[in-house]
Structure formats: structure tokens, C-alpha cells
């Protein structure tokens, strides 16, 4: 990802801001500029997700790249938000406590850093609700 694009996407990533098609009522994250169902007839507007949802499925990451290796093992899940859209995110909990259907809520956390003095990347992870 290019540096300008990286910073441009921070607003939606940090605040769980996506879009909604007012024509058909579908929600999208990350944001879309065109509804795949309604096409040109769709009216896309910005939408701030509540962030609450449930775990649809998950996987336990036991081996990760060097920048994530201190965190292993950790669960990564597909989260279905209350509005119906799905996204992939890390769930902060013991690996033996996560389960399908578990209610979750968002939390703002450090994702990674580019070295000791590099850019720190923050984003949304989820915790049990």
C-alpha cells in the first residue's frame, strides 16, 4: 500500500466507518463508492458502525511473521457486525475462551510498528462483550 493511501484510509479504519446503500439497505466495510447490487441507482452514504457483533468463525495463529511473533498464539476471527457486514480482526482473549457466536465489541489497539522508531499502526481489534 502506498504511503498516501495508507494515511487516507486511517479515518475509516480507526473509527469503523464504512458505507451504506440507502437504496437497498446494505452496509459495507471497508467503504465502497458503488453498491454492487444497485449499481448506479444506489445512493451510497457514510456510516459509522456501532462495532458490536459476534464471532462467525475463527482461527488460532500460532506462527506469525517477526513483527507479530511476540503475540502468538492469538485468535483472528470473522466478525459479523450488528448491521450485517463482516470483517476480519484479531480478538483479544485467551485462545481457549473464544467461541463461535461469542458477542464482541471494538477496542482501539496497537496493531504493529515499523521497527523501534518507525510508524506505529493502530486499529480496531475486538474483545468479548
N, C-alpha and C. Protein backbone atom coordinates (compact mmCIF):
# COMPACT_ATOMS: atom_id res chain seq x y z
N UNK A 1 0.86 -1.18 0.00
CA UNK A 1 0.00 0.00 0.00
C UNK A 1 0.90 1.23 0.00
N UNK A 2 0.56 2.22 -0.81
CA UNK A 2 1.36 3.44 -0.87
C UNK A 2 1.17 4.26 0.40
N UNK A 3 2.14 5.10 0.71
CA UNK A 3 2.08 5.90 1.94
C UNK A 3 0.87 6.83 1.94
N UNK A 4 0.59 7.60 0.85
CA UNK A 4 -0.60 8.47 0.88
C UNK A 4 -1.89 7.68 1.07
N UNK A 5 -2.01 6.54 0.40
CA UNK A 5 -3.21 5.73 0.55
C UNK A 5 -3.34 5.20 1.97
N UNK A 6 -2.22 4.80 2.57
CA UNK A 6 -2.21 4.32 3.95
C UNK A 6 -2.83 5.36 4.88
N UNK A 7 -2.38 6.61 4.79
CA UNK A 7 -2.90 7.65 5.68
C UNK A 7 -4.33 8.04 5.35
N UNK A 8 -4.70 7.98 4.08
CA UNK A 8 -6.07 8.31 3.67
C UNK A 8 -7.07 7.33 4.24
N UNK A 9 -6.70 6.08 4.40
CA UNK A 9 -7.60 5.03 4.89
C UNK A 9 -7.71 5.00 6.42
N UNK A 10 -6.89 5.76 7.13
CA UNK A 10 -6.88 5.70 8.59
C UNK A 10 -8.20 6.11 9.22
N UNK A 11 -8.86 7.11 8.68
CA UNK A 11 -10.11 7.60 9.26
C UNK A 11 -11.14 6.46 9.36
N UNK A 12 -11.34 5.73 8.28
CA UNK A 12 -12.34 4.65 8.31
C UNK A 12 -11.88 3.49 9.17
N UNK A 13 -10.57 3.17 9.13
CA UNK A 13 -10.06 2.05 9.90
C UNK A 13 -10.09 2.34 11.40
N UNK A 14 -9.74 3.55 11.80
CA UNK A 14 -9.70 3.91 13.21
C UNK A 14 -11.09 4.06 13.82
N UNK A 15 -12.06 4.42 13.03
CA UNK A 15 -13.39 4.74 13.55
C UNK A 15 -14.48 3.78 13.09
N UNK A 16 -14.11 2.68 12.43
CA UNK A 16 -15.08 1.73 11.86
C UNK A 16 -16.12 2.46 11.03
N UNK A 17 -15.65 3.27 10.10
CA UNK A 17 -16.55 4.00 9.22
C UNK A 17 -16.58 3.30 7.87
N UNK A 18 -17.76 2.94 7.47
CA UNK A 18 -17.97 2.29 6.18
C UNK A 18 -19.01 3.06 5.41
N UNK A 19 -19.77 2.35 4.60
CA UNK A 19 -20.82 3.00 3.82
C UNK A 19 -22.09 2.15 3.88
N UNK A 20 -23.18 2.80 3.52
CA UNK A 20 -24.48 2.13 3.45
C UNK A 20 -25.15 2.56 2.15
N UNK A 21 -25.79 1.60 1.49
CA UNK A 21 -26.59 1.93 0.31
C UNK A 21 -28.00 2.21 0.80
N UNK A 22 -28.43 3.45 0.66
CA UNK A 22 -29.78 3.81 1.12
C UNK A 22 -30.87 3.23 0.22
N UNK A 23 -30.50 2.78 -0.96
CA UNK A 23 -31.48 2.19 -1.88
C UNK A 23 -31.87 0.78 -1.44
N UNK A 24 -30.86 -0.07 -1.15
CA UNK A 24 -31.18 -1.46 -0.78
C UNK A 24 -30.93 -1.77 0.70
N UNK A 25 -30.26 -0.85 1.42
CA UNK A 25 -30.06 -1.04 2.85
C UNK A 25 -28.83 -1.85 3.24
N UNK A 26 -27.97 -2.21 2.28
CA UNK A 26 -26.77 -2.99 2.61
C UNK A 26 -25.66 -2.09 3.13
N UNK A 27 -24.86 -2.66 4.05
CA UNK A 27 -23.74 -1.95 4.65
C UNK A 27 -22.43 -2.53 4.12
N UNK A 28 -21.39 -1.70 4.06
CA UNK A 28 -20.10 -2.14 3.54
C UNK A 28 -18.94 -1.65 4.40
N UNK A 29 -18.01 -2.54 4.67
CA UNK A 29 -16.74 -2.18 5.31
C UNK A 29 -15.68 -3.08 4.73
N UNK A 30 -14.61 -2.53 4.18
CA UNK A 30 -14.29 -1.10 4.06
C UNK A 30 -15.29 -0.38 3.16
N UNK A 31 -15.26 0.95 3.19
CA UNK A 31 -16.23 1.74 2.44
C UNK A 31 -16.18 1.44 0.94
N UNK A 32 -17.33 1.56 0.31
CA UNK A 32 -17.44 1.42 -1.15
C UNK A 32 -18.01 2.70 -1.72
N UNK A 33 -17.73 2.92 -2.98
CA UNK A 33 -18.30 4.08 -3.66
C UNK A 33 -19.47 3.69 -4.55
N UNK A 34 -19.65 2.37 -4.76
CA UNK A 34 -20.71 1.86 -5.63
C UNK A 34 -21.31 0.62 -4.99
N UNK A 35 -22.63 0.54 -4.95
CA UNK A 35 -23.30 -0.65 -4.43
C UNK A 35 -23.27 -1.73 -5.52
N UNK A 36 -22.75 -2.94 -5.19
CA UNK A 36 -22.69 -3.99 -6.20
C UNK A 36 -24.06 -4.52 -6.61
N UNK A 37 -25.08 -4.27 -5.80
CA UNK A 37 -26.43 -4.72 -6.12
C UNK A 37 -27.19 -3.68 -6.94
N UNK A 38 -27.19 -2.45 -6.46
CA UNK A 38 -27.98 -1.39 -7.08
C UNK A 38 -27.24 -0.66 -8.22
N UNK A 39 -25.95 -0.79 -8.26
CA UNK A 39 -25.10 -0.12 -9.24
C UNK A 39 -25.35 1.39 -9.24
N UNK A 40 -25.63 1.96 -10.39
CA UNK A 40 -25.78 3.42 -10.50
C UNK A 40 -27.00 3.97 -9.76
N UNK A 41 -28.00 3.13 -9.54
CA UNK A 41 -29.21 3.59 -8.85
C UNK A 41 -29.00 3.69 -7.34
N UNK A 42 -27.96 3.07 -6.83
CA UNK A 42 -27.70 3.08 -5.40
C UNK A 42 -27.23 4.43 -4.90
N UNK A 43 -27.69 4.78 -3.71
CA UNK A 43 -27.24 6.03 -3.08
C UNK A 43 -26.36 5.65 -1.89
N UNK A 44 -25.05 5.82 -2.03
CA UNK A 44 -24.08 5.44 -1.01
C UNK A 44 -23.84 6.61 -0.07
N UNK A 45 -23.96 6.33 1.24
CA UNK A 45 -23.69 7.35 2.26
C UNK A 45 -22.72 6.76 3.29
N UNK A 46 -22.00 7.64 3.97
CA UNK A 46 -21.07 7.21 5.02
C UNK A 46 -21.86 6.68 6.22
N UNK A 47 -21.31 5.64 6.85
CA UNK A 47 -21.99 5.06 8.02
C UNK A 47 -20.95 4.69 9.08
N UNK A 48 -21.16 5.13 10.31
CA UNK A 48 -20.29 4.75 11.42
C UNK A 48 -20.91 3.53 12.11
N UNK A 49 -20.19 2.41 12.05
CA UNK A 49 -20.67 1.18 12.66
C UNK A 49 -20.59 1.26 14.18
N UNK A 50 -21.55 0.64 14.86
CA UNK A 50 -21.51 0.56 16.33
C UNK A 50 -20.31 -0.26 16.76
N UNK A 51 -19.98 -1.27 15.97
CA UNK A 51 -18.83 -2.11 16.27
C UNK A 51 -19.17 -3.38 17.01
N UNK A 52 -20.35 -3.45 17.58
CA UNK A 52 -20.73 -4.67 18.29
C UNK A 52 -21.15 -5.73 17.28
N UNK A 53 -20.88 -6.98 17.64
CA UNK A 53 -21.22 -8.06 16.74
C UNK A 53 -20.94 -9.40 17.38
N UNK A 54 -20.70 -10.41 16.53
CA UNK A 54 -20.44 -11.76 17.05
C UNK A 54 -19.40 -12.45 16.17
N UNK A 55 -18.73 -13.44 16.76
CA UNK A 55 -17.74 -14.23 16.04
C UNK A 55 -18.47 -15.24 15.16
N UNK A 56 -18.17 -15.22 13.86
CA UNK A 56 -18.78 -16.16 12.92
C UNK A 56 -17.91 -17.40 12.81
N UNK A 57 -16.61 -17.20 12.72
CA UNK A 57 -15.64 -18.28 12.70
C UNK A 57 -14.30 -17.69 13.13
N UNK A 58 -13.36 -18.56 13.49
CA UNK A 58 -12.07 -18.04 13.94
C UNK A 58 -10.97 -19.05 13.67
N UNK A 59 -9.74 -18.56 13.78
CA UNK A 59 -8.56 -19.40 13.63
C UNK A 59 -7.54 -18.94 14.67
N UNK A 60 -6.76 -19.87 15.17
CA UNK A 60 -5.72 -19.53 16.13
C UNK A 60 -4.39 -19.44 15.37
N UNK A 61 -3.77 -18.28 15.43
CA UNK A 61 -2.47 -18.06 14.78
C UNK A 61 -1.39 -18.47 15.76
N UNK A 62 -0.63 -19.48 15.40
CA UNK A 62 0.43 -19.99 16.28
C UNK A 62 1.82 -19.61 15.80
N UNK A 63 1.96 -19.36 14.51
CA UNK A 63 3.24 -18.94 13.94
C UNK A 63 2.96 -17.71 13.10
N UNK A 64 3.69 -16.64 13.36
CA UNK A 64 3.45 -15.38 12.65
C UNK A 64 4.77 -14.76 12.23
N UNK A 65 4.69 -13.74 11.40
CA UNK A 65 5.89 -13.04 10.98
C UNK A 65 6.55 -12.40 12.20
N UNK A 66 7.77 -11.97 12.03
CA UNK A 66 8.57 -11.45 13.15
C UNK A 66 7.88 -10.33 13.90
N UNK A 67 7.20 -9.44 13.20
CA UNK A 67 6.56 -8.31 13.86
C UNK A 67 5.38 -8.70 14.74
N UNK A 68 4.80 -9.89 14.53
CA UNK A 68 3.67 -10.36 15.33
C UNK A 68 4.04 -11.53 16.24
N UNK A 69 5.27 -12.03 16.14
CA UNK A 69 5.64 -13.28 16.82
C UNK A 69 5.57 -13.19 18.35
N UNK A 70 5.73 -12.00 18.93
CA UNK A 70 5.64 -11.87 20.39
C UNK A 70 4.22 -12.05 20.89
N UNK A 71 3.24 -11.92 20.00
CA UNK A 71 1.84 -12.02 20.40
C UNK A 71 1.29 -13.44 20.28
N UNK A 72 2.01 -14.35 19.65
CA UNK A 72 1.47 -15.69 19.38
C UNK A 72 1.38 -16.53 20.63
N UNK A 73 0.42 -17.43 20.69
CA UNK A 73 -0.71 -17.58 19.77
C UNK A 73 -1.79 -16.53 20.04
N UNK A 74 -2.57 -16.22 18.98
CA UNK A 74 -3.68 -15.28 19.14
C UNK A 74 -4.81 -15.64 18.18
N UNK A 75 -6.06 -15.34 18.55
CA UNK A 75 -7.19 -15.64 17.68
C UNK A 75 -7.47 -14.52 16.68
N UNK A 76 -7.78 -14.90 15.46
CA UNK A 76 -8.26 -13.99 14.43
C UNK A 76 -9.62 -14.51 14.01
N UNK A 77 -10.59 -13.62 13.89
CA UNK A 77 -11.96 -14.06 13.62
C UNK A 77 -12.61 -13.26 12.51
N UNK A 78 -13.61 -13.86 11.92
CA UNK A 78 -14.52 -13.12 11.06
C UNK A 78 -15.65 -12.67 11.98
N UNK A 79 -15.81 -11.37 12.07
CA UNK A 79 -16.80 -10.76 12.94
C UNK A 79 -17.97 -10.28 12.09
N UNK A 80 -19.18 -10.68 12.47
CA UNK A 80 -20.37 -10.14 11.82
C UNK A 80 -20.90 -9.02 12.70
N UNK A 81 -20.82 -7.80 12.19
CA UNK A 81 -21.30 -6.65 12.94
C UNK A 81 -22.82 -6.67 12.99
N UNK A 82 -23.39 -5.98 13.97
CA UNK A 82 -24.84 -5.96 14.14
C UNK A 82 -25.57 -5.49 12.88
N UNK A 83 -24.91 -4.65 12.09
CA UNK A 83 -25.53 -4.15 10.85
C UNK A 83 -25.50 -5.20 9.73
N UNK A 84 -24.77 -6.30 9.93
CA UNK A 84 -24.78 -7.38 8.94
C UNK A 84 -23.50 -7.56 8.14
N UNK A 85 -22.65 -6.55 8.08
CA UNK A 85 -21.41 -6.70 7.32
C UNK A 85 -20.40 -7.50 8.13
N UNK A 86 -19.45 -8.10 7.44
CA UNK A 86 -18.43 -8.92 8.11
C UNK A 86 -17.05 -8.36 7.85
N UNK A 87 -16.17 -8.54 8.84
CA UNK A 87 -14.79 -8.13 8.69
C UNK A 87 -13.90 -9.09 9.46
N UNK A 88 -12.62 -9.09 9.12
CA UNK A 88 -11.65 -9.95 9.79
C UNK A 88 -10.85 -9.12 10.78
N UNK A 89 -10.70 -9.61 12.00
CA UNK A 89 -9.97 -8.86 13.02
C UNK A 89 -9.46 -9.80 14.10
N UNK A 90 -8.47 -9.31 14.83
CA UNK A 90 -7.96 -10.05 15.97
C UNK A 90 -8.91 -9.88 17.15
N UNK A 91 -9.10 -10.96 17.90
CA UNK A 91 -9.91 -10.91 19.11
C UNK A 91 -8.95 -11.05 20.29
N UNK A 92 -9.04 -10.11 21.23
CA UNK A 92 -8.16 -10.10 22.39
C UNK A 92 -8.82 -10.90 23.50
N UNK A 93 -8.40 -12.15 23.62
CA UNK A 93 -8.88 -13.02 24.69
C UNK A 93 -8.01 -14.27 24.70
N UNK A 94 -8.13 -15.06 25.75
CA UNK A 94 -7.40 -16.33 25.80
C UNK A 94 -7.88 -17.21 24.66
N UNK A 95 -6.95 -17.95 24.06
CA UNK A 95 -7.32 -18.76 22.90
C UNK A 95 -8.33 -19.86 23.24
N UNK A 96 -8.40 -20.25 24.49
CA UNK A 96 -9.38 -21.28 24.86
C UNK A 96 -10.73 -20.68 25.28
N UNK A 97 -10.87 -19.37 25.23
CA UNK A 97 -12.12 -18.71 25.61
C UNK A 97 -12.97 -18.27 24.42
N UNK A 98 -12.37 -18.20 23.22
CA UNK A 98 -13.12 -17.74 22.05
C UNK A 98 -14.03 -18.87 21.55
N UNK A 99 -15.21 -18.50 21.05
CA UNK A 99 -16.14 -19.50 20.52
C UNK A 99 -17.02 -18.86 19.45
N UNK A 100 -17.55 -19.68 18.56
CA UNK A 100 -18.45 -19.20 17.51
C UNK A 100 -19.73 -18.71 18.17
N UNK A 101 -20.14 -17.51 17.78
CA UNK A 101 -21.32 -16.89 18.37
C UNK A 101 -21.00 -15.95 19.52
N UNK A 102 -19.72 -15.88 19.93
CA UNK A 102 -19.32 -15.03 21.05
C UNK A 102 -19.59 -13.55 20.72
N UNK A 103 -20.32 -12.84 21.59
CA UNK A 103 -20.53 -11.41 21.36
C UNK A 103 -19.23 -10.64 21.60
N UNK A 104 -18.97 -9.67 20.73
CA UNK A 104 -17.74 -8.88 20.84
C UNK A 104 -18.05 -7.40 20.67
N UNK A 105 -17.10 -6.59 21.13
CA UNK A 105 -17.18 -5.14 20.96
C UNK A 105 -15.79 -4.64 20.58
N UNK A 106 -15.72 -3.47 19.94
CA UNK A 106 -14.43 -2.99 19.45
C UNK A 106 -13.57 -2.37 20.55
N UNK A 107 -12.26 -2.42 20.31
CA UNK A 107 -11.30 -1.73 21.16
C UNK A 107 -10.19 -1.22 20.25
N UNK A 108 -9.64 -0.08 20.57
CA UNK A 108 -8.60 0.54 19.76
C UNK A 108 -7.25 0.12 20.31
N UNK A 109 -6.44 -0.55 19.49
CA UNK A 109 -5.16 -1.10 19.96
C UNK A 109 -4.06 -0.92 18.93
N UNK A 110 -2.83 -1.08 19.39
CA UNK A 110 -1.67 -1.10 18.51
C UNK A 110 -1.72 -2.38 17.69
N UNK A 111 -1.54 -2.25 16.38
CA UNK A 111 -1.50 -3.41 15.50
C UNK A 111 -0.05 -3.86 15.31
N UNK A 112 0.80 -2.93 14.91
CA UNK A 112 2.21 -3.23 14.67
C UNK A 112 3.02 -1.94 14.65
N UNK A 113 4.32 -2.07 14.55
CA UNK A 113 5.22 -0.92 14.43
C UNK A 113 6.30 -1.27 13.43
N UNK A 114 6.75 -0.27 12.70
CA UNK A 114 7.84 -0.46 11.74
C UNK A 114 9.16 -0.20 12.45
N UNK A 115 9.64 -1.18 13.18
CA UNK A 115 10.88 -1.01 13.93
C UNK A 115 10.65 -0.24 15.21
N UNK A 116 11.72 -0.03 15.96
CA UNK A 116 11.59 0.66 17.25
C UNK A 116 11.25 2.13 17.12
N UNK A 117 11.69 2.79 16.05
CA UNK A 117 11.42 4.22 15.91
C UNK A 117 10.59 4.52 14.67
N UNK A 118 9.92 3.50 14.10
CA UNK A 118 9.12 3.68 12.90
C UNK A 118 7.68 4.02 13.20
N UNK A 119 6.89 4.00 12.16
CA UNK A 119 5.47 4.31 12.26
C UNK A 119 4.77 3.23 13.08
N UNK A 120 3.94 3.65 14.04
CA UNK A 120 3.13 2.72 14.82
C UNK A 120 1.75 2.70 14.17
N UNK A 121 1.28 1.50 13.87
CA UNK A 121 -0.02 1.34 13.22
C UNK A 121 -1.03 0.91 14.29
N UNK A 122 -2.08 1.70 14.43
CA UNK A 122 -3.17 1.40 15.36
C UNK A 122 -4.40 0.97 14.56
N UNK A 123 -5.32 0.31 15.22
CA UNK A 123 -6.54 -0.08 14.54
C UNK A 123 -7.51 -0.72 15.51
N UNK A 124 -8.57 -1.24 14.96
CA UNK A 124 -9.62 -1.86 15.76
C UNK A 124 -9.38 -3.35 15.90
N UNK A 125 -9.40 -3.80 17.13
CA UNK A 125 -9.42 -5.21 17.45
C UNK A 125 -10.71 -5.41 18.24
N UNK A 126 -11.02 -6.62 18.61
CA UNK A 126 -12.27 -6.88 19.32
C UNK A 126 -11.99 -7.59 20.63
N UNK A 127 -12.86 -7.36 21.61
CA UNK A 127 -12.79 -8.02 22.92
C UNK A 127 -14.17 -8.61 23.21
N UNK A 128 -14.24 -9.61 24.09
CA UNK A 128 -15.56 -10.15 24.44
C UNK A 128 -16.46 -9.06 25.03
N UNK A 129 -17.73 -9.08 24.63
CA UNK A 129 -18.69 -8.06 25.11
C UNK A 129 -19.34 -8.54 26.41
